[in-house]
Amino acid sequence: MAGHGMKKLNFELKEMCKHNKDGSFSTQKARLYTLNQAANDLHDLGFKTLSVHGLKPKHVGALIEKWKENDVSDGTLKNRMTHLRWWTSHINKAGMLPKSNADLGVDRRVYVTNTNKGQVLDGRMDAIKDPLIHMSIRLQSAFGMRREESIKFNPSRDDRGFSLALEVGTKGGRPRTVPIKTAAQRELVDECRQLVGKQSLIPFGHTYKQQLKVYENVTAKAGFHKLHGLRHQYAQSRYEEITGWQSPVSGGPRRAELSSADKQLDNTARQLISRELGHERLDVVAVYIGS
């Protein structure tokens, strides 16, 4: 049995890696890391009793959806799929997944199209009567949070006064700080604290997976498809705050048109926004604000 409080699936995957040392040392290390991450994510998604031999296409689909929601890059997704395929081959289920990543929706690369995908909240919010979902969406808009981060947000834990310290539900569990710059942002966090006290925006006794389903149903009924555009809008607003001019996708100058002094300010803005959105790669910011 798994020891030292290690979850069953994590333990079984670790044992499988230990007894199948194919590939280079770095490949083995990356494989163990990815499979451990997958086990943790599956647990968070509600598959708490899954065994190493119980993997099914629905589990892989849930992982891919979660990773995409967390903006995992195309290259990282492909690497993770390699390790998941290794898992299926070692439980004699190699044919379980289609041979092509494209059939799983993984092979689509991110292109900077300079199309504005920004989204602002509108009258459809009136149709959302659930106060927790309503708050989650407003937090996404005000702070550029990902959906999972907004659902798992706990003001008692995450509020630092002049900033938010996000760690739970973030991409790869990497902590990041988002500044509280306006009175409206400050009031929203205070309102959230009044709403949930010392809890997160997941109702007591519910799992994240259960609350995510509620979120999806409520937002769909209100006419919202995806709310990722709120992150785009946050990035564009921050860019304008920092530089003083609109982002390229909002009709502002392209980077190539800027003077050398303005390019330095543009760089600073992109670095700040990258950190606030929780992206490690600076070039990803161009997807939000243009190039």
C-alpha atoms as a PDB file:
ATOM      1  CA  MET A   1       0.000   0.000   0.000  1.00  0.00           C
ATOM      2  CA  ALA A   2       1.034   3.615  -0.461  1.00  0.00           C
ATOM      3  CA  GLY A   3       3.041   4.886   2.474  1.00  0.00           C
ATOM      4  CA  HIS A   4       3.569   8.231   4.172  1.00  0.00           C
ATOM      5  CA  GLY A   5       0.180   9.577   3.138  1.00  0.00           C
ATOM      6  CA  MET A   6       0.941   9.260  -0.576  1.00  0.00           C
ATOM      7  CA  LYS A   7      -2.206   8.887  -2.654  1.00  0.00           C
ATOM      8  CA  LYS A   8      -2.792   5.414  -4.123  1.00  0.00           C
ATOM      9  CA  LEU A   9      -2.493   6.412  -7.798  1.00  0.00           C
ATOM     10  CA  ASN A  10       0.673   8.460  -7.198  1.00  0.00           C
ATOM     11  CA  PHE A  11       2.215   5.494  -5.412  1.00  0.00           C
ATOM     12  CA  GLU A  12       1.256   3.006  -8.144  1.00  0.00           C
ATOM     13  CA  LEU A  13       2.602   5.261 -10.912  1.00  0.00           C
ATOM     14  CA  LYS A  14       5.846   5.776  -8.986  1.00  0.00           C
ATOM     15  CA  GLU A  15       6.219   2.001  -8.642  1.00  0.00           C
ATOM     16  CA  MET A  16       5.511   1.511 -12.346  1.00  0.00           C
ATOM     17  CA  CYS A  17       8.196   4.055 -13.246  1.00  0.00           C
ATOM     18  CA  LYS A  18      10.641   2.397 -10.834  1.00  0.00           C
ATOM     19  CA  HIS A  19      10.192  -0.994 -12.506  1.00  0.00           C
ATOM     20  CA  ASN A  20      10.238   0.286 -16.111  1.00  0.00           C
ATOM     21  CA  LYS A  21      13.316   2.427 -16.579  1.00  0.00           C
ATOM     22  CA  ASP A  22      13.149   2.840 -20.370  1.00  0.00           C
ATOM     23  CA  GLY A  23      14.541   6.047 -21.837  1.00  0.00           C
ATOM     24  CA  SER A  24      17.290   8.376 -20.697  1.00  0.00           C
ATOM     25  CA  PHE A  25      17.622   9.530 -17.099  1.00  0.00           C
ATOM     26  CA  SER A  26      16.122  12.934 -17.975  1.00  0.00           C
ATOM     27  CA  THR A  27      13.202  11.240 -19.777  1.00  0.00           C
ATOM     28  CA  GLN A  28      12.550   9.044 -16.735  1.00  0.00           C
ATOM     29  CA  LYS A  29      12.644  12.072 -14.456  1.00  0.00           C
ATOM     30  CA  ALA A  30      10.259  14.049 -16.687  1.00  0.00           C
ATOM     31  CA  ARG A  31       7.952  11.022 -16.946  1.00  0.00           C
ATOM     32  CA  LEU A  32       7.738  10.599 -13.173  1.00  0.00           C
ATOM     33  CA  TYR A  33       7.083  14.317 -12.701  1.00  0.00           C
ATOM     34  CA  THR A  34       4.330  14.397 -15.360  1.00  0.00           C
ATOM     35  CA  LEU A  35       2.587  11.250 -14.153  1.00  0.00           C
ATOM     36  CA  ASN A  36       2.658  12.519 -10.578  1.00  0.00           C
ATOM     37  CA  GLN A  37       1.138  15.810 -11.788  1.00  0.00           C
ATOM     38  CA  ALA A  38      -1.511  13.844 -13.724  1.00  0.00           C
ATOM     39  CA  ALA A  39      -2.373  11.809 -10.612  1.00  0.00           C
ATOM     40  CA  ASN A  40      -2.741  14.984  -8.537  1.00  0.00           C
ATOM     41  CA  ASP A  41      -4.919  16.618 -11.198  1.00  0.00           C
ATOM     42  CA  LEU A  42      -7.116  13.531 -11.542  1.00  0.00           C
ATOM     43  CA  HIS A  43      -7.582  13.552  -7.769  1.00  0.00           C
ATOM     44  CA  ASP A  44      -8.575  17.244  -7.909  1.00  0.00           C
ATOM     45  CA  LEU A  45     -11.008  16.465 -10.719  1.00  0.00           C
ATOM     46  CA  GLY A  46     -12.814  14.029  -8.444  1.00  0.00           C
ATOM     47  CA  PHE A  47     -11.277  10.712  -9.592  1.00  0.00           C
ATOM     48  CA  LYS A  48     -10.083   9.938  -6.075  1.00  0.00           C
ATOM     49  CA  THR A  49     -10.180   6.121  -6.225  1.00  0.00           C
ATOM     50  CA  LEU A  50      -8.639   5.636  -9.674  1.00  0.00           C
ATOM     51  CA  SER A  51      -6.049   2.849  -9.874  1.00  0.00           C
ATOM     52  CA  VAL A  52      -3.143   2.683 -12.308  1.00  0.00           C
ATOM     53  CA  HIS A  53      -4.963   0.041 -14.409  1.00  0.00           C
ATOM     54  CA  GLY A  54      -8.276   1.927 -14.373  1.00  0.00           C
ATOM     55  CA  LEU A  55      -7.232   4.684 -16.783  1.00  0.00           C
ATOM     56  CA  LYS A  56      -9.869   5.373 -19.443  1.00  0.00           C
ATOM     57  CA  PRO A  57     -10.228   7.867 -22.314  1.00  0.00           C
ATOM     58  CA  LYS A  58     -12.561  10.005 -20.153  1.00  0.00           C
ATOM     59  CA  HIS A  59      -9.725  10.479 -17.627  1.00  0.00           C
ATOM     60  CA  VAL A  60      -7.290  11.565 -20.342  1.00  0.00           C
ATOM     61  CA  GLY A  61      -9.942  13.890 -21.789  1.00  0.00           C
ATOM     62  CA  ALA A  62     -10.512  15.469 -18.375  1.00  0.00           C
ATOM     63  CA  LEU A  63      -6.763  16.013 -17.963  1.00  0.00           C
ATOM     64  CA  ILE A  64      -6.383  17.623 -21.393  1.00  0.00           C
ATOM     65  CA  GLU A  65      -9.321  19.941 -20.688  1.00  0.00           C
ATOM     66  CA  LYS A  66      -7.879  20.950 -17.317  1.00  0.00           C
ATOM     67  CA  TRP A  67      -4.402  21.542 -18.765  1.00  0.00           C
ATOM     68  CA  LYS A  68      -5.778  23.639 -21.618  1.00  0.00           C
ATOM     69  CA  GLU A  69      -7.848  25.634 -19.134  1.00  0.00           C
ATOM     70  CA  ASN A  70      -4.571  26.310 -17.292  1.00  0.00           C
ATOM     71  CA  ASP A  71      -2.933  27.536 -20.530  1.00  0.00           C
ATOM     72  CA  VAL A  72      -0.391  24.715 -20.683  1.00  0.00           C
ATOM     73  CA  SER A  73       1.646  25.367 -23.824  1.00  0.00           C
ATOM     74  CA  ASP A  74       1.309  23.248 -26.958  1.00  0.00           C
ATOM     75  CA  GLY A  75       4.818  21.824 -26.536  1.00  0.00           C
ATOM     76  CA  THR A  76       4.241  20.879 -22.893  1.00  0.00           C
ATOM     77  CA  LEU A  77       0.909  19.258 -23.764  1.00  0.00           C
ATOM     78  CA  LYS A  78       2.622  17.109 -26.389  1.00  0.00           C
ATOM     79  CA  ASN A  79       5.296  16.052 -23.903  1.00  0.00           C
ATOM     80  CA  ARG A  80       2.646  15.160 -21.341  1.00  0.00           C
ATOM     81  CA  MET A  81       0.763  13.104 -23.937  1.00  0.00           C
ATOM     82  CA  THR A  82       3.962  11.129 -24.595  1.00  0.00           C
ATOM     83  CA  HIS A  83       4.112  10.200 -20.919  1.00  0.00           C
ATOM     84  CA  LEU A  84       0.384   9.364 -20.781  1.00  0.00           C
ATOM     85  CA  ARG A  85       0.836   7.082 -23.815  1.00  0.00           C
ATOM     86  CA  TRP A  86       3.734   5.405 -21.976  1.00  0.00           C
ATOM     87  CA  TRP A  87       1.310   4.802 -19.097  1.00  0.00           C
ATOM     88  CA  THR A  88      -1.322   3.231 -21.416  1.00  0.00           C
ATOM     89  CA  SER A  89       1.292   0.996 -23.068  1.00  0.00           C
ATOM     90  CA  HIS A  90       2.448  -0.333 -19.678  1.00  0.00           C
ATOM     91  CA  ILE A  91      -1.077  -1.330 -18.659  1.00  0.00           C
ATOM     92  CA  ASN A  92      -1.710  -3.047 -22.027  1.00  0.00           C
ATOM     93  CA  LYS A  93      -4.062  -0.320 -23.229  1.00  0.00           C
ATOM     94  CA  ALA A  94      -1.840   1.186 -25.928  1.00  0.00           C
ATOM     95  CA  GLY A  95      -4.772   1.333 -28.378  1.00  0.00           C
ATOM     96  CA  MET A  96      -6.932   3.287 -25.956  1.00  0.00           C
ATOM     97  CA  LEU A  97      -5.896   6.686 -27.332  1.00  0.00           C
ATOM     98  CA  PRO A  98      -5.891   7.791 -30.980  1.00  0.00           C
ATOM     99  CA  LYS A  99      -2.443   7.813 -32.573  1.00  0.00           C
ATOM    100  CA  SER A 100      -2.680  11.481 -33.475  1.00  0.00           C
ATOM    101  CA  ASN A 101      -2.621  14.217 -30.839  1.00  0.00           C
ATOM    102  CA  ALA A 102      -4.751  16.286 -33.217  1.00  0.00           C
ATOM    103  CA  ASP A 103      -7.613  13.832 -32.653  1.00  0.00           C
ATOM    104  CA  LEU A 104      -7.403  14.742 -28.962  1.00  0.00           C
ATOM    105  CA  GLY A 105      -7.371  18.459 -29.699  1.00  0.00           C
ATOM    106  CA  VAL A 106      -3.736  18.799 -28.614  1.00  0.00           C
ATOM    107  CA  ASP A 107      -2.012  19.586 -31.884  1.00  0.00           C
ATOM    108  CA  ARG A 108      -3.508  23.023 -32.380  1.00  0.00           C
ATOM    109  CA  ARG A 109      -0.751  25.596 -32.152  1.00  0.00           C
ATOM    110  CA  VAL A 110      -1.285  29.071 -30.728  1.00  0.00           C
ATOM    111  CA  TYR A 111      -0.921  31.791 -33.346  1.00  0.00           C
ATOM    112  CA  VAL A 112      -0.753  35.505 -32.631  1.00  0.00           C
ATOM    113  CA  THR A 113      -3.453  36.809 -34.943  1.00  0.00           C
ATOM    114  CA  ASN A 114      -3.724  40.324 -33.504  1.00  0.00           C
ATOM    115  CA  THR A 115      -7.441  39.630 -33.135  1.00  0.00           C
ATOM    116  CA  ASN A 116      -8.990  41.199 -30.064  1.00  0.00           C
ATOM    117  CA  LYS A 117     -10.435  38.407 -27.896  1.00  0.00           C
ATOM    118  CA  GLY A 118     -11.112  40.727 -24.975  1.00  0.00           C
ATOM    119  CA  GLN A 119     -14.434  40.304 -23.217  1.00  0.00           C
ATOM    120  CA  VAL A 120     -16.263  42.600 -20.833  1.00  0.00           C
ATOM    121  CA  LEU A 121     -19.096  41.648 -18.517  1.00  0.00           C
ATOM    122  CA  ASP A 122     -22.504  42.637 -19.805  1.00  0.00           C
ATOM    123  CA  GLY A 123     -26.225  42.339 -19.021  1.00  0.00           C
ATOM    124  CA  ARG A 124     -26.057  38.531 -19.140  1.00  0.00           C
ATOM    125  CA  MET A 125     -24.581  38.721 -15.635  1.00  0.00           C
ATOM    126  CA  ASP A 126     -28.097  39.599 -14.384  1.00  0.00           C
ATOM    127  CA  ALA A 127     -29.193  36.062 -15.253  1.00  0.00           C
ATOM    128  CA  ILE A 128     -26.580  34.589 -12.900  1.00  0.00           C
ATOM    129  CA  LYS A 129     -28.359  34.344  -9.560  1.00  0.00           C
ATOM    130  CA  ASP A 130     -25.839  32.034  -7.868  1.00  0.00           C
ATOM    131  CA  PRO A 131     -23.771  34.458  -5.714  1.00  0.00           C
ATOM    132  CA  LEU A 132     -20.640  32.228  -5.712  1.00  0.00           C
ATOM    133  CA  ILE A 133     -20.583  31.857  -9.511  1.00  0.00           C
ATOM    134  CA  HIS A 134     -21.351  35.574  -9.893  1.00  0.00           C
ATOM    135  CA  MET A 135     -18.353  36.374  -7.681  1.00  0.00           C
ATOM    136  CA  SER A 136     -16.052  33.921  -9.496  1.00  0.00           C
ATOM    137  CA  ILE A 137     -16.775  35.604 -12.826  1.00  0.00           C
ATOM    138  CA  ARG A 138     -16.227  39.106 -11.420  1.00  0.00           C
ATOM    139  CA  LEU A 139     -12.879  38.012  -9.966  1.00  0.00           C
ATOM    140  CA  GLN A 140     -11.849  36.694 -13.395  1.00  0.00           C
ATOM    141  CA  SER A 141     -12.699  40.058 -14.891  1.00  0.00           C
ATOM    142  CA  ALA A 142     -11.065  42.205 -12.192  1.00  0.00           C
ATOM    143  CA  PHE A 143      -7.841  40.231 -11.714  1.00  0.00           C
ATOM    144  CA  GLY A 144      -7.351  38.178 -14.871  1.00  0.00           C
ATOM    145  CA  MET A 145      -7.796  34.932 -12.932  1.00  0.00           C
ATOM    146  CA  ARG A 146      -8.214  31.630 -14.685  1.00  0.00           C
ATOM    147  CA  ARG A 147     -11.520  29.893 -14.091  1.00  0.00           C
ATOM    148  CA  GLU A 148     -10.076  27.343 -11.655  1.00  0.00           C
ATOM    149  CA  GLU A 149      -8.268  30.063  -9.691  1.00  0.00           C
ATOM    150  CA  SER A 150     -11.467  32.087  -9.333  1.00  0.00           C
ATOM    151  CA  ILE A 151     -13.471  29.084  -8.111  1.00  0.00           C
ATOM    152  CA  LYS A 152     -10.791  28.088  -5.595  1.00  0.00           C
ATOM    153  CA  PHE A 153     -10.135  31.681  -4.474  1.00  0.00           C
ATOM    154  CA  ASN A 154     -10.192  32.154  -0.701  1.00  0.00           C
ATOM    155  CA  PRO A 155      -9.977  35.842   0.345  1.00  0.00           C
ATOM    156  CA  SER A 156      -8.992  34.951   3.911  1.00  0.00           C
ATOM    157  CA  ARG A 157      -5.982  33.038   2.602  1.00  0.00           C
ATOM    158  CA  ASP A 158      -5.109  34.953  -0.584  1.00  0.00           C
ATOM    159  CA  ASP A 159      -5.723  38.632   0.243  1.00  0.00           C
ATOM    160  CA  ARG A 160      -2.546  40.527   1.172  1.00  0.00           C
ATOM    161  CA  GLY A 161      -4.036  44.013   1.318  1.00  0.00           C
ATOM    162  CA  PHE A 162      -2.411  45.607  -1.713  1.00  0.00           C
ATOM    163  CA  SER A 163      -2.158  42.381  -3.693  1.00  0.00           C
ATOM    164  CA  LEU A 164      -3.494  38.845  -4.052  1.00  0.00           C
ATOM    165  CA  ALA A 165      -1.149  35.915  -3.465  1.00  0.00           C
ATOM    166  CA  LEU A 166      -2.497  33.157  -5.709  1.00  0.00           C
ATOM    167  CA  GLU A 167      -1.229  29.610  -5.365  1.00  0.00           C
ATOM    168  CA  VAL A 168      -4.179  27.212  -5.153  1.00  0.00           C
ATOM    169  CA  GLY A 169      -5.511  26.217  -8.568  1.00  0.00           C
ATOM    170  CA  THR A 170      -2.775  28.050 -10.450  1.00  0.00           C
ATOM    171  CA  LYS A 171      -1.002  26.595 -13.472  1.00  0.00           C
ATOM    172  CA  GLY A 172       1.442  23.987 -12.213  1.00  0.00           C
ATOM    173  CA  GLY A 173       0.777  25.157  -8.646  1.00  0.00           C
ATOM    174  CA  ARG A 174       3.162  28.067  -9.223  1.00  0.00           C
ATOM    175  CA  PRO A 175       2.454  31.004  -6.888  1.00  0.00           C
ATOM    176  CA  ARG A 176       2.015  34.481  -8.291  1.00  0.00           C
ATOM    177  CA  THR A 177       1.089  37.953  -7.083  1.00  0.00           C
ATOM    178  CA  VAL A 178      -1.601  40.116  -8.669  1.00  0.00           C
ATOM    179  CA  PRO A 179      -1.703  43.762  -7.560  1.00  0.00           C
ATOM    180  CA  ILE A 180      -4.830  45.414  -6.185  1.00  0.00           C
ATOM    181  CA  LYS A 181      -4.590  48.736  -8.021  1.00  0.00           C
ATOM    182  CA  THR A 182      -8.066  50.254  -7.795  1.00  0.00           C
ATOM    183  CA  ALA A 183     -10.733  50.961  -5.195  1.00  0.00           C
ATOM    184  CA  ALA A 184     -13.151  48.795  -7.207  1.00  0.00           C
ATOM    185  CA  GLN A 185     -10.768  45.815  -6.971  1.00  0.00           C
ATOM    186  CA  ARG A 186     -10.347  46.364  -3.237  1.00  0.00           C
ATOM    187  CA  GLU A 187     -14.113  46.547  -2.726  1.00  0.00           C
ATOM    188  CA  LEU A 188     -14.637  43.360  -4.735  1.00  0.00           C
ATOM    189  CA  VAL A 189     -12.221  41.372  -2.550  1.00  0.00           C
ATOM    190  CA  ASP A 190     -13.883  42.772   0.603  1.00  0.00           C
ATOM    191  CA  GLU A 191     -17.280  41.817  -0.796  1.00  0.00           C
ATOM    192  CA  CYS A 192     -15.966  38.324  -1.501  1.00  0.00           C
ATOM    193  CA  ARG A 193     -14.741  38.009   2.078  1.00  0.00           C
ATOM    194  CA  GLN A 194     -18.186  39.035   3.352  1.00  0.00           C
ATOM    195  CA  LEU A 195     -19.742  36.412   1.093  1.00  0.00           C
ATOM    196  CA  VAL A 196     -17.593  33.404   2.025  1.00  0.00           C
ATOM    197  CA  GLY A 197     -15.795  34.311   5.269  1.00  0.00           C
ATOM    198  CA  LYS A 198     -12.836  31.962   5.681  1.00  0.00           C
ATOM    199  CA  GLN A 199     -14.006  29.567   2.934  1.00  0.00           C
ATOM    200  CA  SER A 200     -13.203  29.463  -0.769  1.00  0.00           C
ATOM    201  CA  LEU A 201     -15.857  29.989  -3.448  1.00  0.00           C
ATOM    202  CA  ILE A 202     -16.522  26.242  -3.395  1.00  0.00           C
ATOM    203  CA  PRO A 203     -19.521  25.559  -1.122  1.00  0.00           C
ATOM    204  CA  PHE A 204     -18.788  23.600   2.030  1.00  0.00           C
ATOM    205  CA  GLY A 205     -18.943  19.854   1.356  1.00  0.00           C
ATOM    206  CA  HIS A 206     -18.523  20.243  -2.406  1.00  0.00           C
ATOM    207  CA  THR A 207     -15.507  19.278  -4.539  1.00  0.00           C
ATOM    208  CA  TYR A 208     -13.933  21.510  -7.163  1.00  0.00           C
ATOM    209  CA  LYS A 209     -15.275  19.178  -9.862  1.00  0.00           C
ATOM    210  CA  GLN A 210     -18.832  19.555  -8.555  1.00  0.00           C
ATOM    211  CA  GLN A 211     -18.572  23.339  -8.393  1.00  0.00           C
ATOM    212  CA  LEU A 212     -17.036  23.461 -11.880  1.00  0.00           C
ATOM    213  CA  LYS A 213     -20.111  21.639 -13.222  1.00  0.00           C
ATOM    214  CA  VAL A 214     -22.374  24.188 -11.505  1.00  0.00           C
ATOM    215  CA  TYR A 215     -20.267  27.009 -12.971  1.00  0.00           C
ATOM    216  CA  GLU A 216     -20.458  25.539 -16.484  1.00  0.00           C
ATOM    217  CA  ASN A 217     -24.226  25.008 -16.294  1.00  0.00           C
ATOM    218  CA  VAL A 218     -24.990  28.443 -14.839  1.00  0.00           C
ATOM    219  CA  THR A 219     -22.776  30.350 -17.292  1.00  0.00           C
ATOM    220  CA  ALA A 220     -24.075  28.369 -20.290  1.00  0.00           C
ATOM    221  CA  LYS A 221     -27.679  29.103 -19.335  1.00  0.00           C
ATOM    222  CA  ALA A 222     -26.822  32.816 -19.071  1.00  0.00           C
ATOM    223  CA  GLY A 223     -25.446  32.728 -22.626  1.00  0.00           C
ATOM    224  CA  PHE A 224     -21.720  32.769 -21.819  1.00  0.00           C
ATOM    225  CA  HIS A 225     -19.702  30.221 -23.795  1.00  0.00           C
ATOM    226  CA  LYS A 226     -16.163  30.665 -22.527  1.00  0.00           C
ATOM    227  CA  LEU A 227     -15.069  33.463 -20.235  1.00  0.00           C
ATOM    228  CA  HIS A 228     -11.354  33.248 -21.017  1.00  0.00           C
ATOM    229  CA  GLY A 229     -11.757  36.569 -22.848  1.00  0.00           C
ATOM    230  CA  LEU A 230     -11.928  38.256 -19.447  1.00  0.00           C
ATOM    231  CA  ARG A 231      -8.218  37.457 -19.029  1.00  0.00           C
ATOM    232  CA  HIS A 232      -7.555  39.032 -22.413  1.00  0.00           C
ATOM    233  CA  GLN A 233      -9.427  42.164 -21.365  1.00  0.00           C
ATOM    234  CA  TYR A 234      -7.498  42.332 -18.081  1.00  0.00           C
ATOM    235  CA  ALA A 235      -4.175  42.100 -19.964  1.00  0.00           C
ATOM    236  CA  GLN A 236      -5.221  44.821 -22.417  1.00  0.00           C
ATOM    237  CA  SER A 237      -6.376  47.163 -19.633  1.00  0.00           C
ATOM    238  CA  ARG A 238      -3.147  46.625 -17.683  1.00  0.00           C
ATOM    239  CA  TYR A 239      -1.075  47.274 -20.799  1.00  0.00           C
ATOM    240  CA  GLU A 240      -2.816  50.612 -21.302  1.00  0.00           C
ATOM    241  CA  GLU A 241      -2.409  51.517 -17.602  1.00  0.00           C
ATOM    242  CA  ILE A 242       1.330  50.824 -17.694  1.00  0.00           C
ATOM    243  CA  THR A 243       2.222  52.293 -21.103  1.00  0.00           C
ATOM    244  CA  GLY A 244      -0.360  55.041 -21.533  1.00  0.00           C
ATOM    245  CA  TRP A 245      -1.414  53.771 -24.971  1.00  0.00           C
ATOM    246  CA  GLN A 246      -3.716  51.014 -26.167  1.00  0.00           C
ATOM    247  CA  SER A 247      -2.452  47.498 -26.883  1.00  0.00           C
ATOM    248  CA  PRO A 248      -1.968  46.464 -30.530  1.00  0.00           C
ATOM    249  CA  VAL A 249      -5.148  44.317 -30.532  1.00  0.00           C
ATOM    250  CA  SER A 250      -7.142  47.261 -29.154  1.00  0.00           C
ATOM    251  CA  GLY A 251      -6.052  49.521 -32.008  1.00  0.00           C
ATOM    252  CA  GLY A 252      -2.801  50.800 -30.482  1.00  0.00           C
ATOM    253  CA  PRO A 253       0.565  50.871 -32.274  1.00  0.00           C
ATOM    254  CA  ARG A 254       2.281  47.634 -33.236  1.00  0.00           C
ATOM    255  CA  ARG A 255       5.526  46.938 -31.414  1.00  0.00           C
ATOM    256  CA  ALA A 256       7.550  47.474 -34.594  1.00  0.00           C
ATOM    257  CA  GLU A 257       6.171  51.028 -34.839  1.00  0.00           C
ATOM    258  CA  LEU A 258       7.354  52.112 -31.368  1.00  0.00           C
ATOM    259  CA  SER A 259      10.384  54.309 -30.661  1.00  0.00           C
ATOM    260  CA  SER A 260      13.253  52.698 -28.737  1.00  0.00           C
ATOM    261  CA  ALA A 261      12.137  54.416 -25.501  1.00  0.00           C
ATOM    262  CA  ASP A 262       8.551  53.246 -25.966  1.00  0.00           C
ATOM    263  CA  LYS A 263       9.782  49.732 -26.753  1.00  0.00           C
ATOM    264  CA  GLN A 264      11.427  49.635 -23.321  1.00  0.00           C
ATOM    265  CA  LEU A 265       8.117  50.581 -21.713  1.00  0.00           C
ATOM    266  CA  ASP A 266       6.368  47.990 -23.883  1.00  0.00           C
ATOM    267  CA  ASN A 267       8.862  45.361 -22.613  1.00  0.00           C
ATOM    268  CA  THR A 268       8.219  46.361 -18.994  1.00  0.00           C
ATOM    269  CA  ALA A 269       4.454  46.126 -19.525  1.00  0.00           C
ATOM    270  CA  ARG A 270       4.728  42.673 -21.127  1.00  0.00           C
ATOM    271  CA  GLN A 271       6.937  41.389 -18.306  1.00  0.00           C
ATOM    272  CA  LEU A 272       4.549  42.658 -15.614  1.00  0.00           C
ATOM    273  CA  ILE A 273       1.486  41.280 -17.379  1.00  0.00           C
ATOM    274  CA  SER A 274       3.217  37.937 -17.950  1.00  0.00           C
ATOM    275  CA  ARG A 275       3.854  37.624 -14.202  1.00  0.00           C
ATOM    276  CA  GLU A 276       0.355  38.756 -13.254  1.00  0.00           C
ATOM    277  CA  LEU A 277      -1.248  36.240 -15.617  1.00  0.00           C
ATOM    278  CA  GLY A 278       1.036  33.475 -14.367  1.00  0.00           C
ATOM    279  CA  HIS A 279       2.882  32.795 -17.622  1.00  0.00           C
ATOM    280  CA  GLU A 280       6.533  31.833 -17.677  1.00  0.00           C
ATOM    281  CA  ARG A 281       7.047  32.702 -21.332  1.00  0.00           C
ATOM    282  CA  LEU A 282       6.915  36.338 -22.341  1.00  0.00           C
ATOM    283  CA  ASP A 283       5.831  35.549 -25.920  1.00  0.00           C
ATOM    284  CA  VAL A 284       2.503  34.132 -24.664  1.00  0.00           C
ATOM    285  CA  VAL A 285       1.472  37.660 -23.637  1.00  0.00           C
ATOM    286  CA  ALA A 286       1.292  38.595 -27.334  1.00  0.00           C
ATOM    287  CA  VAL A 287      -1.722  36.269 -27.640  1.00  0.00           C
ATOM    288  CA  TYR A 288      -3.545  38.572 -25.198  1.00  0.00           C
ATOM    289  CA  ILE A 289      -2.384  42.015 -26.271  1.00  0.00           C
ATOM    290  CA  GLY A 290      -0.935  41.586 -29.767  1.00  0.00           C
ATOM    291  CA  SER A 291       2.540  42.083 -31.200  1.00  0.00           C
END
